[in-house]
């Protein structure tokens, strides 16, 4: 899991990237007309004026799935962005993704940077 913090004025973003193995996102579950095999998901949390971190969006990156079910590892990753609080997300995204978002509503604790 990689973590990145971005502070702008009184708002902050926290991004966490997870590698995962998950079922393919079929057409209609992403913005692409072809299936995507997820490889990573980046969670973005926001906080304003010191409020608790809230899950803002998920970005799933993966490779295009060919008609024969294989992927081309040399192809570039396709990314689809989802907003877990939207009605569209709840209605059109697969159960595994909705469950993943629910499990990660609150960001995982991050260990402090080790001293050198």
PDB file of N, CA and C in Angstrom:
ATOM      1  N   UNK A   1       0.849  -1.164   0.000  1.00  0.00           N
ATOM      2  CA  UNK A   1       0.000   0.000   0.000  1.00  0.00           C
ATOM      3  C   UNK A   1       0.894   1.226   0.000  1.00  0.00           C
ATOM      4  N   UNK A   2       0.734   2.072  -0.994  1.00  0.00           N
ATOM      5  CA  UNK A   2       1.451   3.337  -1.060  1.00  0.00           C
ATOM      6  C   UNK A   2       0.527   4.445  -0.558  1.00  0.00           C
ATOM      7  N   UNK A   3       1.074   5.428   0.140  1.00  0.00           N
ATOM      8  CA  UNK A   3       0.270   6.510   0.703  1.00  0.00           C
ATOM      9  C   UNK A   3       0.859   7.840   0.277  1.00  0.00           C
ATOM     10  N   UNK A   4      -0.011   8.793  -0.059  1.00  0.00           N
ATOM     11  CA  UNK A   4       0.406  10.132  -0.449  1.00  0.00           C
ATOM     12  C   UNK A   4      -0.551  11.121   0.209  1.00  0.00           C
ATOM     13  N   UNK A   5      -0.025  12.215   0.744  1.00  0.00           N
ATOM     14  CA  UNK A   5      -0.851  13.274   1.331  1.00  0.00           C
ATOM     15  C   UNK A   5      -0.694  14.540   0.503  1.00  0.00           C
ATOM     16  N   UNK A   6      -1.794  15.267   0.307  1.00  0.00           N
ATOM     17  CA  UNK A   6      -1.769  16.537  -0.404  1.00  0.00           C
ATOM     18  C   UNK A   6      -2.535  17.543   0.447  1.00  0.00           C
ATOM     19  N   UNK A   7      -1.884  18.647   0.843  1.00  0.00           N
ATOM     20  CA  UNK A   7      -2.530  19.670   1.659  1.00  0.00           C
ATOM     21  C   UNK A   7      -2.677  20.942   0.840  1.00  0.00           C
ATOM     22  N   UNK A   8      -3.893  21.441   0.717  1.00  0.00           N
ATOM     23  CA  UNK A   8      -4.152  22.691   0.018  1.00  0.00           C
ATOM     24  C   UNK A   8      -5.027  23.543   0.921  1.00  0.00           C
ATOM     25  N   UNK A   9      -4.476  24.650   1.383  1.00  0.00           N
ATOM     26  CA  UNK A   9      -5.187  25.553   2.283  1.00  0.00           C
ATOM     27  C   UNK A   9      -5.743  24.769   3.461  1.00  0.00           C
ATOM     28  N   UNK A  10      -7.053  24.723   3.631  1.00  0.00           N
ATOM     29  CA  UNK A  10      -7.656  24.031   4.767  1.00  0.00           C
ATOM     30  C   UNK A  10      -8.221  22.670   4.402  1.00  0.00           C
ATOM     31  N   UNK A  11      -7.935  22.198   3.195  1.00  0.00           N
ATOM     32  CA  UNK A  11      -8.401  20.889   2.759  1.00  0.00           C
ATOM     33  C   UNK A  11      -7.198  19.974   2.546  1.00  0.00           C
ATOM     34  N   UNK A  12      -7.434  18.695   2.728  1.00  0.00           N
ATOM     35  CA  UNK A  12      -6.354  17.730   2.523  1.00  0.00           C
ATOM     36  C   UNK A  12      -6.896  16.517   1.798  1.00  0.00           C
ATOM     37  N   UNK A  13      -6.042  15.868   1.034  1.00  0.00           N
ATOM     38  CA  UNK A  13      -6.367  14.602   0.381  1.00  0.00           C
ATOM     39  C   UNK A  13      -5.359  13.573   0.829  1.00  0.00           C
ATOM     40  N   UNK A  14      -5.841  12.384   1.016  1.00  0.00           N
ATOM     41  CA  UNK A  14      -4.976  11.254   1.362  1.00  0.00           C
ATOM     42  C   UNK A  14      -5.255  10.180   0.334  1.00  0.00           C
ATOM     43  N   UNK A  15      -4.217   9.702  -0.345  1.00  0.00           N
ATOM     44  CA  UNK A  15      -4.392   8.688  -1.383  1.00  0.00           C
ATOM     45  C   UNK A  15      -3.676   7.427  -0.970  1.00  0.00           C
ATOM     46  N   UNK A  16      -4.365   6.307  -1.102  1.00  0.00           N
ATOM     47  CA  UNK A  16      -3.794   5.006  -0.765  1.00  0.00           C
ATOM     48  C   UNK A  16      -3.984   4.096  -1.966  1.00  0.00           C
ATOM     49  N   UNK A  17      -2.942   3.392  -2.352  1.00  0.00           N
ATOM     50  CA  UNK A  17      -3.002   2.502  -3.513  1.00  0.00           C
ATOM     51  C   UNK A  17      -2.834   1.063  -3.045  1.00  0.00           C
ATOM     52  N   UNK A  18      -3.759   0.211  -3.473  1.00  0.00           N
ATOM     53  CA  UNK A  18      -3.722  -1.211  -3.149  1.00  0.00           C
ATOM     54  C   UNK A  18      -3.590  -2.013  -4.431  1.00  0.00           C
ATOM     55  N   UNK A  19      -2.791  -3.059  -4.406  1.00  0.00           N
ATOM     56  CA  UNK A  19      -2.775  -4.044  -5.497  1.00  0.00           C
ATOM     57  C   UNK A  19      -3.856  -5.058  -5.172  1.00  0.00           C
ATOM     58  N   UNK A  20      -4.570  -5.537  -6.190  1.00  0.00           N
ATOM     59  CA  UNK A  20      -5.628  -6.486  -5.921  1.00  0.00           C
ATOM     60  C   UNK A  20      -5.818  -7.443  -7.072  1.00  0.00           C
ATOM     61  N   UNK A  21      -6.456  -8.550  -6.761  1.00  0.00           N
ATOM     62  CA  UNK A  21      -6.913  -9.513  -7.744  1.00  0.00           C
ATOM     63  C   UNK A  21      -8.424  -9.541  -7.605  1.00  0.00           C
ATOM     64  N   UNK A  22      -9.114  -9.252  -8.678  1.00  0.00           N
ATOM     65  CA  UNK A  22     -10.574  -9.149  -8.612  1.00  0.00           C
ATOM     66  C   UNK A  22     -11.169  -9.569  -9.947  1.00  0.00           C
ATOM     67  N   UNK A  23     -12.464  -9.866  -9.942  1.00  0.00           N
ATOM     68  CA  UNK A  23     -13.135 -10.193 -11.210  1.00  0.00           C
ATOM     69  C   UNK A  23     -13.073  -9.015 -12.185  1.00  0.00           C
ATOM     70  N   UNK A  24     -13.149  -9.333 -13.461  1.00  0.00           N
ATOM     71  CA  UNK A  24     -13.112  -8.292 -14.490  1.00  0.00           C
ATOM     72  C   UNK A  24     -14.285  -7.329 -14.337  1.00  0.00           C
ATOM     73  N   UNK A  25     -14.023  -6.053 -14.665  1.00  0.00           N
ATOM     74  CA  UNK A  25     -15.100  -5.073 -14.786  1.00  0.00           C
ATOM     75  C   UNK A  25     -15.624  -5.202 -16.209  1.00  0.00           C
ATOM     76  N   UNK A  26     -16.868  -5.527 -16.341  1.00  0.00           N
ATOM     77  CA  UNK A  26     -17.480  -5.725 -17.655  1.00  0.00           C
ATOM     78  C   UNK A  26     -17.900  -4.384 -18.257  1.00  0.00           C
ATOM     79  N   UNK A  27     -18.141  -4.343 -19.588  1.00  0.00           N
ATOM     80  CA  UNK A  27     -18.661  -3.111 -20.182  1.00  0.00           C
ATOM     81  C   UNK A  27     -19.927  -2.690 -19.427  1.00  0.00           C
ATOM     82  N   UNK A  28     -20.052  -1.406 -19.172  1.00  0.00           N
ATOM     83  CA  UNK A  28     -21.171  -0.909 -18.390  1.00  0.00           C
ATOM     84  C   UNK A  28     -20.802  -0.731 -16.923  1.00  0.00           C
ATOM     85  N   UNK A  29     -19.716  -1.396 -16.483  1.00  0.00           N
ATOM     86  CA  UNK A  29     -19.237  -1.218 -15.113  1.00  0.00           C
ATOM     87  C   UNK A  29     -18.043  -0.259 -15.078  1.00  0.00           C
ATOM     88  N   UNK A  30     -17.607   0.183 -16.249  1.00  0.00           N
ATOM     89  CA  UNK A  30     -16.545   1.188 -16.377  1.00  0.00           C
ATOM     90  C   UNK A  30     -16.914   2.044 -17.580  1.00  0.00           C
ATOM     91  N   UNK A  31     -16.066   3.016 -17.892  1.00  0.00           N
ATOM     92  CA  UNK A  31     -16.399   3.832 -19.057  1.00  0.00           C
ATOM     93  C   UNK A  31     -15.977   3.217 -20.376  1.00  0.00           C
ATOM     94  N   UNK A  32     -15.418   2.021 -20.348  1.00  0.00           N
ATOM     95  CA  UNK A  32     -14.901   1.401 -21.564  1.00  0.00           C
ATOM     96  C   UNK A  32     -15.880   0.379 -22.141  1.00  0.00           C
ATOM     97  N   UNK A  33     -15.872   0.210 -23.472  1.00  0.00           N
ATOM     98  CA  UNK A  33     -16.760  -0.772 -24.104  1.00  0.00           C
ATOM     99  C   UNK A  33     -16.175  -2.174 -24.123  1.00  0.00           C
ATOM    100  N   UNK A  34     -15.173  -2.425 -23.301  1.00  0.00           N
ATOM    101  CA  UNK A  34     -14.535  -3.737 -23.223  1.00  0.00           C
ATOM    102  C   UNK A  34     -14.225  -4.022 -21.750  1.00  0.00           C
ATOM    103  N   UNK A  35     -14.047  -5.304 -21.390  1.00  0.00           N
ATOM    104  CA  UNK A  35     -13.744  -5.648 -20.000  1.00  0.00           C
ATOM    105  C   UNK A  35     -12.358  -5.156 -19.567  1.00  0.00           C
ATOM    106  N   UNK A  36     -12.234  -4.848 -18.286  1.00  0.00           N
ATOM    107  CA  UNK A  36     -10.971  -4.428 -17.679  1.00  0.00           C
ATOM    108  C   UNK A  36     -10.640  -5.408 -16.552  1.00  0.00           C
ATOM    109  N   UNK A  37      -9.401  -5.888 -16.506  1.00  0.00           N
ATOM    110  CA  UNK A  37      -8.952  -6.749 -15.407  1.00  0.00           C
ATOM    111  C   UNK A  37      -8.251  -5.861 -14.378  1.00  0.00           C
ATOM    112  N   UNK A  38      -8.893  -5.599 -13.226  1.00  0.00           N
ATOM    113  CA  UNK A  38      -8.309  -4.701 -12.224  1.00  0.00           C
ATOM    114  C   UNK A  38      -6.975  -5.208 -11.690  1.00  0.00           C
ATOM    115  N   UNK A  39      -6.050  -4.272 -11.499  1.00  0.00           N
ATOM    116  CA  UNK A  39      -4.748  -4.585 -10.909  1.00  0.00           C
ATOM    117  C   UNK A  39      -4.494  -3.744  -9.669  1.00  0.00           C
ATOM    118  N   UNK A  40      -4.912  -2.485  -9.709  1.00  0.00           N
ATOM    119  CA  UNK A  40      -4.748  -1.612  -8.536  1.00  0.00           C
ATOM    120  C   UNK A  40      -6.015  -0.792  -8.342  1.00  0.00           C
ATOM    121  N   UNK A  41      -6.196  -0.357  -7.121  1.00  0.00           N
ATOM    122  CA  UNK A  41      -7.262   0.592  -6.824  1.00  0.00           C
ATOM    123  C   UNK A  41      -6.642   1.680  -5.954  1.00  0.00           C
ATOM    124  N   UNK A  42      -6.888   2.929  -6.345  1.00  0.00           N
ATOM    125  CA  UNK A  42      -6.392   4.069  -5.569  1.00  0.00           C
ATOM    126  C   UNK A  42      -7.591   4.714  -4.901  1.00  0.00           C
ATOM    127  N   UNK A  43      -7.523   4.792  -3.584  1.00  0.00           N
ATOM    128  CA  UNK A  43      -8.590   5.402  -2.800  1.00  0.00           C
ATOM    129  C   UNK A  43      -8.174   6.824  -2.456  1.00  0.00           C
ATOM    130  N   UNK A  44      -9.062   7.782  -2.673  1.00  0.00           N
ATOM    131  CA  UNK A  44      -8.787   9.160  -2.302  1.00  0.00           C
ATOM    132  C   UNK A  44      -9.747   9.548  -1.195  1.00  0.00           C
ATOM    133  N   UNK A  45      -9.177   9.985  -0.080  1.00  0.00           N
ATOM    134  CA  UNK A  45      -9.944  10.464   1.070  1.00  0.00           C
ATOM    135  C   UNK A  45      -9.758  11.967   1.157  1.00  0.00           C
ATOM    136  N   UNK A  46     -10.765  12.679   1.629  1.00  0.00           N
ATOM    137  CA  UNK A  46     -10.652  14.122   1.799  1.00  0.00           C
ATOM    138  C   UNK A  46     -10.979  14.504   3.240  1.00  0.00           C
ATOM    139  N   UNK A  47     -10.431  15.626   3.641  1.00  0.00           N
ATOM    140  CA  UNK A  47     -10.702  16.203   4.950  1.00  0.00           C
ATOM    141  C   UNK A  47     -10.687  17.710   4.792  1.00  0.00           C
ATOM    142  N   UNK A  48     -11.684  18.388   5.342  1.00  0.00           N
ATOM    143  CA  UNK A  48     -11.746  19.846   5.283  1.00  0.00           C
ATOM    144  C   UNK A  48     -11.793  20.395   6.700  1.00  0.00           C
ATOM    145  N   UNK A  49     -10.941  21.381   6.953  1.00  0.00           N
ATOM    146  CA  UNK A  49     -10.910  22.057   8.254  1.00  0.00           C
ATOM    147  C   UNK A  49     -10.809  21.085   9.420  1.00  0.00           C
ATOM    148  N   UNK A  50     -10.016  20.034   9.265  1.00  0.00           N
ATOM    149  CA  UNK A  50      -9.795  19.093  10.349  1.00  0.00           C
ATOM    150  C   UNK A  50     -10.880  18.052  10.541  1.00  0.00           C
ATOM    151  N   UNK A  51     -11.838  17.957   9.621  1.00  0.00           N
ATOM    152  CA  UNK A  51     -12.898  16.954   9.745  1.00  0.00           C
ATOM    153  C   UNK A  51     -12.310  15.556   9.545  1.00  0.00           C
ATOM    154  N   UNK A  52     -13.021  14.516   9.987  1.00  0.00           N
ATOM    155  CA  UNK A  52     -12.513  13.148   9.783  1.00  0.00           C
ATOM    156  C   UNK A  52     -12.347  12.849   8.288  1.00  0.00           C
ATOM    157  N   UNK A  53     -11.420  11.968   7.969  1.00  0.00           N
ATOM    158  CA  UNK A  53     -11.204  11.553   6.585  1.00  0.00           C
ATOM    159  C   UNK A  53     -12.466  10.880   6.054  1.00  0.00           C
ATOM    160  N   UNK A  54     -12.854  11.222   4.820  1.00  0.00           N
ATOM    161  CA  UNK A  54     -14.024  10.618   4.171  1.00  0.00           C
ATOM    162  C   UNK A  54     -13.608  10.104   2.801  1.00  0.00           C
ATOM    163  N   UNK A  55     -14.064   8.905   2.450  1.00  0.00           N
ATOM    164  CA  UNK A  55     -13.748   8.329   1.146  1.00  0.00           C
ATOM    165  C   UNK A  55     -14.432   9.146   0.058  1.00  0.00           C
ATOM    166  N   UNK A  56     -13.636   9.682  -0.865  1.00  0.00           N
ATOM    167  CA  UNK A  56     -14.162  10.532  -1.930  1.00  0.00           C
ATOM    168  C   UNK A  56     -14.329   9.755  -3.235  1.00  0.00           C
ATOM    169  N   UNK A  57     -13.272   9.045  -3.662  1.00  0.00           N
ATOM    170  CA  UNK A  57     -13.395   8.296  -4.913  1.00  0.00           C
ATOM    171  C   UNK A  57     -12.433   7.120  -4.949  1.00  0.00           C
ATOM    172  N   UNK A  58     -12.719   6.205  -5.866  1.00  0.00           N
ATOM    173  CA  UNK A  58     -11.865   5.052  -6.140  1.00  0.00           C
ATOM    174  C   UNK A  58     -11.467   5.131  -7.603  1.00  0.00           C
ATOM    175  N   UNK A  59     -10.205   4.850  -7.891  1.00  0.00           N
ATOM    176  CA  UNK A  59      -9.745   4.771  -9.273  1.00  0.00           C
ATOM    177  C   UNK A  59      -9.183   3.380  -9.482  1.00  0.00           C
ATOM    178  N   UNK A  60      -9.820   2.624 -10.359  1.00  0.00           N
ATOM    179  CA  UNK A  60      -9.399   1.262 -10.632  1.00  0.00           C
ATOM    180  C   UNK A  60      -8.595   1.272 -11.920  1.00  0.00           C
ATOM    181  N   UNK A  61      -7.388   0.716 -11.866  1.00  0.00           N
ATOM    182  CA  UNK A  61      -6.538   0.622 -13.053  1.00  0.00           C
ATOM    183  C   UNK A  61      -6.354  -0.843 -13.390  1.00  0.00           C
ATOM    184  N   UNK A  62      -6.449  -1.150 -14.673  1.00  0.00           N
ATOM    185  CA  UNK A  62      -6.273  -2.532 -15.101  1.00  0.00           C
ATOM    186  C   UNK A  62      -6.050  -2.624 -16.590  1.00  0.00           C
ATOM    187  N   UNK A  63      -5.814  -3.839 -17.031  1.00  0.00           N
ATOM    188  CA  UNK A  63      -5.540  -4.095 -18.441  1.00  0.00           C
ATOM    189  C   UNK A  63      -6.801  -4.526 -19.178  1.00  0.00           C
ATOM    190  N   UNK A  64      -6.832  -4.208 -20.462  1.00  0.00           N
ATOM    191  CA  UNK A  64      -7.950  -4.607 -21.317  1.00  0.00           C
ATOM    192  C   UNK A  64      -7.945  -6.123 -21.479  1.00  0.00           C
ATOM    193  N   UNK A  65      -9.123  -6.714 -21.389  1.00  0.00           N
ATOM    194  CA  UNK A  65      -9.263  -8.165 -21.549  1.00  0.00           C
ATOM    195  C   UNK A  65      -9.663  -8.449 -22.989  1.00  0.00           C
ATOM    196  N   UNK A  66      -8.908  -9.349 -23.627  1.00  0.00           N
ATOM    197  CA  UNK A  66      -9.237  -9.738 -25.001  1.00  0.00           C
ATOM    198  C   UNK A  66     -10.452 -10.662 -25.016  1.00  0.00           C
ATOM    199  N   UNK A  67     -10.985 -10.889 -26.194  1.00  0.00           N
ATOM    200  CA  UNK A  67     -12.159 -11.770 -26.331  1.00  0.00           C
ATOM    201  C   UNK A  67     -11.867 -13.192 -25.889  1.00  0.00           C
ATOM    202  N   UNK A  68     -10.598 -13.618 -25.976  1.00  0.00           N
ATOM    203  CA  UNK A  68     -10.255 -14.978 -25.549  1.00  0.00           C
ATOM    204  C   UNK A  68      -9.990 -15.066 -24.036  1.00  0.00           C
ATOM    205  N   UNK A  69     -10.168 -13.931 -23.303  1.00  0.00           N
ATOM    206  CA  UNK A  69     -10.008 -13.931 -21.850  1.00  0.00           C
ATOM    207  C   UNK A  69      -8.606 -13.628 -21.359  1.00  0.00           C
ATOM    208  N   UNK A  70      -7.676 -13.391 -22.276  1.00  0.00           N
ATOM    209  CA  UNK A  70      -6.304 -13.066 -21.877  1.00  0.00           C
ATOM    210  C   UNK A  70      -6.103 -11.554 -21.911  1.00  0.00           C
ATOM    211  N   UNK A  71      -5.015 -11.107 -21.304  1.00  0.00           N
ATOM    212  CA  UNK A  71      -4.663  -9.686 -21.352  1.00  0.00           C
ATOM    213  C   UNK A  71      -3.296  -9.535 -21.986  1.00  0.00           C
ATOM    214  N   UNK A  72      -3.034  -8.376 -22.536  1.00  0.00           N
ATOM    215  CA  UNK A  72      -1.729  -8.069 -23.097  1.00  0.00           C
ATOM    216  C   UNK A  72      -0.956  -7.302 -22.026  1.00  0.00           C
ATOM    217  N   UNK A  73       0.028  -7.933 -21.377  1.00  0.00           N
ATOM    218  CA  UNK A  73       0.755  -7.265 -20.304  1.00  0.00           C
ATOM    219  C   UNK A  73       1.534  -6.038 -20.771  1.00  0.00           C
ATOM    220  N   UNK A  74       1.742  -5.907 -22.077  1.00  0.00           N
ATOM    221  CA  UNK A  74       2.461  -4.743 -22.598  1.00  0.00           C
ATOM    222  C   UNK A  74       1.531  -3.558 -22.858  1.00  0.00           C
ATOM    223  N   UNK A  75       0.223  -3.769 -22.759  1.00  0.00           N
ATOM    224  CA  UNK A  75      -0.697  -2.660 -23.025  1.00  0.00           C
ATOM    225  C   UNK A  75      -0.707  -1.704 -21.848  1.00  0.00           C
ATOM    226  N   UNK A  76      -1.136  -0.473 -22.095  1.00  0.00           N
ATOM    227  CA  UNK A  76      -1.194   0.491 -21.001  1.00  0.00           C
ATOM    228  C   UNK A  76      -2.433   0.242 -20.152  1.00  0.00           C
ATOM    229  N   UNK A  77      -2.374   0.664 -18.920  1.00  0.00           N
ATOM    230  CA  UNK A  77      -3.491   0.449 -17.994  1.00  0.00           C
ATOM    231  C   UNK A  77      -4.626   1.415 -18.310  1.00  0.00           C
ATOM    232  N   UNK A  78      -5.824   0.918 -18.234  1.00  0.00           N
ATOM    233  CA  UNK A  78      -7.022   1.739 -18.376  1.00  0.00           C
ATOM    234  C   UNK A  78      -7.512   2.047 -16.969  1.00  0.00           C
ATOM    235  N   UNK A  79      -7.916   3.269 -16.727  1.00  0.00           N
ATOM    236  CA  UNK A  79      -8.357   3.680 -15.402  1.00  0.00           C
ATOM    237  C   UNK A  79      -9.806   4.125 -15.451  1.00  0.00           C
ATOM    238  N   UNK A  80     -10.561   3.686 -14.471  1.00  0.00           N
ATOM    239  CA  UNK A  80     -11.945   4.122 -14.340  1.00  0.00           C
ATOM    240  C   UNK A  80     -12.121   4.690 -12.943  1.00  0.00           C
ATOM    241  N   UNK A  81     -12.807   5.810 -12.831  1.00  0.00           N
ATOM    242  CA  UNK A  81     -13.010   6.491 -11.551  1.00  0.00           C
ATOM    243  C   UNK A  81     -14.453   6.297 -11.106  1.00  0.00           C
ATOM    244  N   UNK A  82     -14.642   6.037  -9.813  1.00  0.00           N
ATOM    245  CA  UNK A  82     -15.969   5.818  -9.236  1.00  0.00           C
ATOM    246  C   UNK A  82     -16.122   6.661  -7.977  1.00  0.00           C
ATOM    247  N   UNK A  83     -17.324   7.105  -7.726  1.00  0.00           N
ATOM    248  CA  UNK A  83     -17.640   7.881  -6.538  1.00  0.00           C
ATOM    249  C   UNK A  83     -18.596   7.060  -5.686  1.00  0.00           C
ATOM    250  N   UNK A  84     -18.126   6.516  -4.549  1.00  0.00           N
ATOM    251  CA  UNK A  84     -18.908   5.540  -3.790  1.00  0.00           C
ATOM    252  C   UNK A  84     -20.210   6.062  -3.205  1.00  0.00           C
ATOM    253  N   UNK A  85     -20.360   7.366  -3.068  1.00  0.00           N
ATOM    254  CA  UNK A  85     -21.610   7.893  -2.509  1.00  0.00           C
ATOM    255  C   UNK A  85     -22.657   8.184  -3.579  1.00  0.00           C
ATOM    256  N   UNK A  86     -22.311   7.949  -4.844  1.00  0.00           N
ATOM    257  CA  UNK A  86     -23.275   8.236  -5.908  1.00  0.00           C
ATOM    258  C   UNK A  86     -24.259   7.082  -6.084  1.00  0.00           C
ATOM    259  N   UNK A  87     -25.434   7.420  -6.529  1.00  0.00           N
ATOM    260  CA  UNK A  87     -26.451   6.398  -6.808  1.00  0.00           C
ATOM    261  C   UNK A  87     -25.985   5.480  -7.939  1.00  0.00           C
ATOM    262  N   UNK A  88     -25.301   6.051  -8.930  1.00  0.00           N
ATOM    263  CA  UNK A  88     -24.793   5.269 -10.062  1.00  0.00           C
ATOM    264  C   UNK A  88     -23.840   4.185  -9.568  1.00  0.00           C
ATOM    265  N   UNK A  89     -22.958   4.510  -8.627  1.00  0.00           N
ATOM    266  CA  UNK A  89     -22.018   3.532  -8.090  1.00  0.00           C
ATOM    267  C   UNK A  89     -22.771   2.384  -7.436  1.00  0.00           C
ATOM    268  N   UNK A  90     -23.742   2.706  -6.603  1.00  0.00           N
ATOM    269  CA  UNK A  90     -24.502   1.683  -5.885  1.00  0.00           C
ATOM    270  C   UNK A  90     -25.314   0.809  -6.839  1.00  0.00           C
ATOM    271  N   UNK A  91     -25.758   1.385  -7.948  1.00  0.00           N
ATOM    272  CA  UNK A  91     -26.613   0.665  -8.886  1.00  0.00           C
ATOM    273  C   UNK A  91     -25.843  -0.143  -9.923  1.00  0.00           C
ATOM    274  N   UNK A  92     -24.705   0.380 -10.401  1.00  0.00           N
ATOM    275  CA  UNK A  92     -24.076  -0.250 -11.568  1.00  0.00           C
ATOM    276  C   UNK A  92     -22.756  -0.966 -11.302  1.00  0.00           C
ATOM    277  N   UNK A  93     -22.132  -0.736 -10.184  1.00  0.00           N
ATOM    278  CA  UNK A  93     -20.834  -1.371  -9.941  1.00  0.00           C
ATOM    279  C   UNK A  93     -21.026  -2.751  -9.331  1.00  0.00           C
ATOM    280  N   UNK A  94     -20.077  -3.666  -9.561  1.00  0.00           N
ATOM    281  CA  UNK A  94     -20.206  -5.035  -9.047  1.00  0.00           C
ATOM    282  C   UNK A  94     -20.150  -5.064  -7.513  1.00  0.00           C
ATOM    283  N   UNK A  95     -20.721  -6.129  -6.962  1.00  0.00           N
ATOM    284  CA  UNK A  95     -20.790  -6.266  -5.501  1.00  0.00           C
ATOM    285  C   UNK A  95     -19.407  -6.228  -4.859  1.00  0.00           C
ATOM    286  N   UNK A  96     -18.399  -6.884  -5.480  1.00  0.00           N
ATOM    287  CA  UNK A  96     -17.069  -6.901  -4.859  1.00  0.00           C
ATOM    288  C   UNK A  96     -16.515  -5.502  -4.703  1.00  0.00           C
ATOM    289  N   UNK A  97     -16.793  -4.598  -5.660  1.00  0.00           N
ATOM    290  CA  UNK A  97     -16.277  -3.233  -5.590  1.00  0.00           C
ATOM    291  C   UNK A  97     -17.034  -2.416  -4.541  1.00  0.00           C
ATOM    292  N   UNK A  98     -18.337  -2.600  -4.476  1.00  0.00           N
ATOM    293  CA  UNK A  98     -19.131  -1.905  -3.441  1.00  0.00           C
ATOM    294  C   UNK A  98     -18.687  -2.344  -2.043  1.00  0.00           C
ATOM    295  N   UNK A  99     -18.434  -3.646  -1.874  1.00  0.00           N
ATOM    296  CA  UNK A  99     -17.972  -4.168  -0.583  1.00  0.00           C
ATOM    297  C   UNK A  99     -16.571  -3.639  -0.248  1.00  0.00           C
ATOM    298  N   UNK A 100     -15.691  -3.569  -1.246  1.00  0.00           N
ATOM    299  CA  UNK A 100     -14.348  -3.034  -1.041  1.00  0.00           C
ATOM    300  C   UNK A 100     -14.443  -1.584  -0.563  1.00  0.00           C
ATOM    301  N   UNK A 101     -15.272  -0.792  -1.221  1.00  0.00           N
ATOM    302  CA  UNK A 101     -15.439   0.612  -0.833  1.00  0.00           C
ATOM    303  C   UNK A 101     -15.981   0.721   0.593  1.00  0.00           C
ATOM    304  N   UNK A 102     -16.925  -0.126   0.935  1.00  0.00           N
ATOM    305  CA  UNK A 102     -17.508  -0.082   2.278  1.00  0.00           C
ATOM    306  C   UNK A 102     -16.466  -0.453   3.336  1.00  0.00           C
ATOM    307  N   UNK A 103     -15.643  -1.456   3.057  1.00  0.00           N
ATOM    308  CA  UNK A 103     -14.593  -1.862   4.009  1.00  0.00           C
ATOM    309  C   UNK A 103     -13.543  -0.779   4.193  1.00  0.00           C
ATOM    310  N   UNK A 104     -13.382   0.087   3.193  1.00  0.00           N
ATOM    311  CA  UNK A 104     -12.343   1.116   3.234  1.00  0.00           C
ATOM    312  C   UNK A 104     -12.915   2.523   3.393  1.00  0.00           C
ATOM    313  N   UNK A 105     -14.108   2.646   3.948  1.00  0.00           N
ATOM    314  CA  UNK A 105     -14.708   3.966   4.189  1.00  0.00           C
ATOM    315  C   UNK A 105     -13.814   4.840   5.055  1.00  0.00           C
ATOM    316  N   UNK A 106     -13.161   4.207   6.015  1.00  0.00           N
ATOM    317  CA  UNK A 106     -12.226   4.901   6.901  1.00  0.00           C
ATOM    318  C   UNK A 106     -10.829   4.439   6.516  1.00  0.00           C
ATOM    319  N   UNK A 107      -9.894   5.357   6.295  1.00  0.00           N
ATOM    320  CA  UNK A 107      -8.563   4.926   5.856  1.00  0.00           C
ATOM    321  C   UNK A 107      -7.843   4.110   6.915  1.00  0.00           C
ATOM    322  N   UNK A 108      -7.038   3.191   6.444  1.00  0.00           N
ATOM    323  CA  UNK A 108      -6.215   2.379   7.332  1.00  0.00           C
ATOM    324  C   UNK A 108      -5.189   3.261   8.023  1.00  0.00           C
ATOM    325  N   UNK A 109      -4.829   2.883   9.245  1.00  0.00           N
ATOM    326  CA  UNK A 109      -3.783   3.622   9.957  1.00  0.00           C
ATOM    327  C   UNK A 109      -2.460   3.445   9.215  1.00  0.00           C
ATOM    328  N   UNK A 110      -1.700   4.487   9.174  1.00  0.00           N
ATOM    329  CA  UNK A 110      -0.407   4.434   8.503  1.00  0.00           C
ATOM    330  C   UNK A 110       0.680   4.518   9.571  1.00  0.00           C
ATOM    331  N   UNK A 111       1.622   3.593   9.508  1.00  0.00           N
ATOM    332  CA  UNK A 111       2.725   3.605  10.469  1.00  0.00           C
ATOM    333  C   UNK A 111       3.573   4.847  10.246  1.00  0.00           C
ATOM    334  N   UNK A 112       4.101   5.420  11.334  1.00  0.00           N
ATOM    335  CA  UNK A 112       4.972   6.594  11.165  1.00  0.00           C
ATOM    336  C   UNK A 112       6.238   6.225  10.397  1.00  0.00           C
ATOM    337  N   UNK A 113       6.816   7.210   9.739  1.00  0.00           N
ATOM    338  CA  UNK A 113       8.039   6.981   8.970  1.00  0.00           C
ATOM    339  C   UNK A 113       9.146   6.536   9.931  1.00  0.00           C
ATOM    340  N   UNK A 114       9.841   5.440   9.628  1.00  0.00           N
ATOM    341  CA  UNK A 114      10.898   4.987  10.529  1.00  0.00           C
ATOM    342  C   UNK A 114      12.053   5.985  10.564  1.00  0.00           C
ATOM    343  N   UNK A 115      12.665   6.133  11.728  1.00  0.00           N
ATOM    344  CA  UNK A 115      13.817   7.042  11.835  1.00  0.00           C
ATOM    345  C   UNK A 115      15.040   6.374  11.218  1.00  0.00           C
ATOM    346  N   UNK A 116      15.902   7.181  10.659  1.00  0.00           N
ATOM    347  CA  UNK A 116      17.084   6.639   9.977  1.00  0.00           C
ATOM    348  C   UNK A 116      18.261   6.627  10.912  1.00  0.00           C
TER     349      UNK A 116
END
